């Protein structure tokens, strides 16, 4: 039996919450989960004003995605998605890499 391949596009609030939820729900090796984001960081948008006025450093509101996820259960890929084909269940990255997706 092939393991399901789950691709999460974007590591905003929804992407991070989805990856963390899947890490809790899935046993190690039960599925191949990949989180794709353009940047290697997630930032707390509600705290951005603090960097502007100087009450918080950038590192206080930006978190490293590899440090937020469990690398045993979720693979992080820093890349930009160029297209998504829902019928074929594939997404293309700028480097022309294709991933199969599970679409609900």
Protein backbone atom coordinates (compact mmCIF):
# COMPACT_ATOMS: atom_id res chain seq x y z
CA UNK A 1 0.00 0.00 0.00
CA UNK A 2 1.34 3.43 -0.94
CA UNK A 3 1.60 6.03 1.76
CA UNK A 4 -0.57 9.08 1.23
CA UNK A 5 1.29 12.20 0.16
CA UNK A 6 0.01 15.39 1.74
CA UNK A 7 1.32 18.76 0.55
CA UNK A 8 0.58 21.91 2.52
CA UNK A 9 1.03 25.06 0.46
CA UNK A 10 2.06 28.01 2.60
CA UNK A 11 3.24 28.31 6.19
CA UNK A 12 0.95 31.07 7.36
CA UNK A 13 -1.33 30.45 10.32
CA UNK A 14 -3.39 27.86 8.42
CA UNK A 15 -0.37 25.98 7.09
CA UNK A 16 1.40 25.83 10.45
CA UNK A 17 -1.78 24.78 12.30
CA UNK A 18 -2.47 22.10 9.67
CA UNK A 19 1.06 20.69 9.85
CA UNK A 20 1.01 20.65 13.68
CA UNK A 21 -2.43 18.97 13.68
CA UNK A 22 -1.27 16.30 11.22
CA UNK A 23 1.82 15.68 13.34
CA UNK A 24 -0.49 14.90 16.27
CA UNK A 25 -2.93 12.78 14.24
CA UNK A 26 -0.51 10.73 12.12
CA UNK A 27 1.91 8.11 13.32
CA UNK A 28 5.49 8.44 12.17
CA UNK A 29 5.76 7.12 8.60
CA UNK A 30 1.98 6.91 8.11
CA UNK A 31 2.01 9.62 5.42
CA UNK A 32 4.52 11.77 3.57
CA UNK A 33 3.74 15.33 4.66
CA UNK A 34 5.49 18.24 2.97
CA UNK A 35 5.09 21.88 3.96
CA UNK A 36 6.08 24.29 1.17
CA UNK A 37 6.69 27.98 1.82
CA UNK A 38 8.46 30.75 -0.06
CA UNK A 39 10.43 31.78 3.03
CA UNK A 40 12.01 29.73 5.80
CA UNK A 41 10.23 31.73 8.47
CA UNK A 42 6.72 32.30 9.79
CA UNK A 43 5.96 35.67 11.33
CA UNK A 44 3.27 36.78 13.72
CA UNK A 45 1.48 39.48 11.76
CA UNK A 46 -0.32 40.80 14.82
CA UNK A 47 3.08 41.73 16.28
CA UNK A 48 4.61 43.49 13.25
CA UNK A 49 3.86 46.93 14.64
CA UNK A 50 6.29 46.24 17.49
CA UNK A 51 9.26 46.07 15.13
CA UNK A 52 8.26 49.38 13.55
CA UNK A 53 8.16 51.23 16.87
CA UNK A 54 11.23 49.41 18.18
CA UNK A 55 9.68 47.47 21.07
CA UNK A 56 10.49 44.07 19.57
CA UNK A 57 13.33 42.69 17.47
CA UNK A 58 12.63 40.92 14.18
CA UNK A 59 13.67 37.59 15.70
CA UNK A 60 10.94 37.98 18.34
CA UNK A 61 8.13 37.94 15.79
CA UNK A 62 9.66 35.75 13.06
CA UNK A 63 10.01 32.03 13.79
CA UNK A 64 12.07 29.50 11.87
CA UNK A 65 9.71 27.01 10.18
CA UNK A 66 12.16 24.09 10.55
CA UNK A 67 12.13 24.77 14.31
CA UNK A 68 8.31 24.84 14.45
CA UNK A 69 7.72 21.47 12.80
CA UNK A 70 8.68 17.92 13.66
CA UNK A 71 11.17 16.95 10.91
CA UNK A 72 10.42 13.26 11.48
CA UNK A 73 6.78 13.75 10.48
CA UNK A 74 6.85 16.86 8.25
CA UNK A 75 9.33 17.72 5.54
CA UNK A 76 9.86 21.44 4.95
CA UNK A 77 10.64 22.67 1.45
CA UNK A 78 11.50 26.31 0.83
CA UNK A 79 10.13 26.98 -2.64
CA UNK A 80 7.67 29.08 -4.59
CA UNK A 81 4.60 27.38 -6.08
CA UNK A 82 4.08 28.39 -9.69
CA UNK A 83 0.88 26.46 -10.44
CA UNK A 84 -1.60 23.95 -9.03
CA UNK A 85 -3.47 21.38 -11.16
CA UNK A 86 -6.37 20.10 -9.08
CA UNK A 87 -7.50 17.52 -11.68
CA UNK A 88 -4.04 15.90 -11.84
CA UNK A 89 -3.42 16.46 -8.11
CA UNK A 90 -0.06 18.10 -8.80
CA UNK A 91 1.61 21.36 -8.00
CA UNK A 92 4.57 22.84 -9.81
CA UNK A 93 7.34 24.75 -8.15
CA UNK A 94 9.52 27.36 -9.82
CA UNK A 95 12.22 24.70 -10.09
CA UNK A 96 9.68 22.54 -12.03
CA UNK A 97 9.40 19.91 -9.28
CA UNK A 98 6.03 18.16 -9.14
CA UNK A 99 4.26 16.81 -6.10
CA UNK A 100 1.12 14.70 -5.89
CA UNK A 101 -1.43 16.19 -3.56
CA UNK A 102 -4.37 14.91 -1.60
CA UNK A 103 -7.23 17.30 -2.25
CA UNK A 104 -10.30 17.22 -0.05
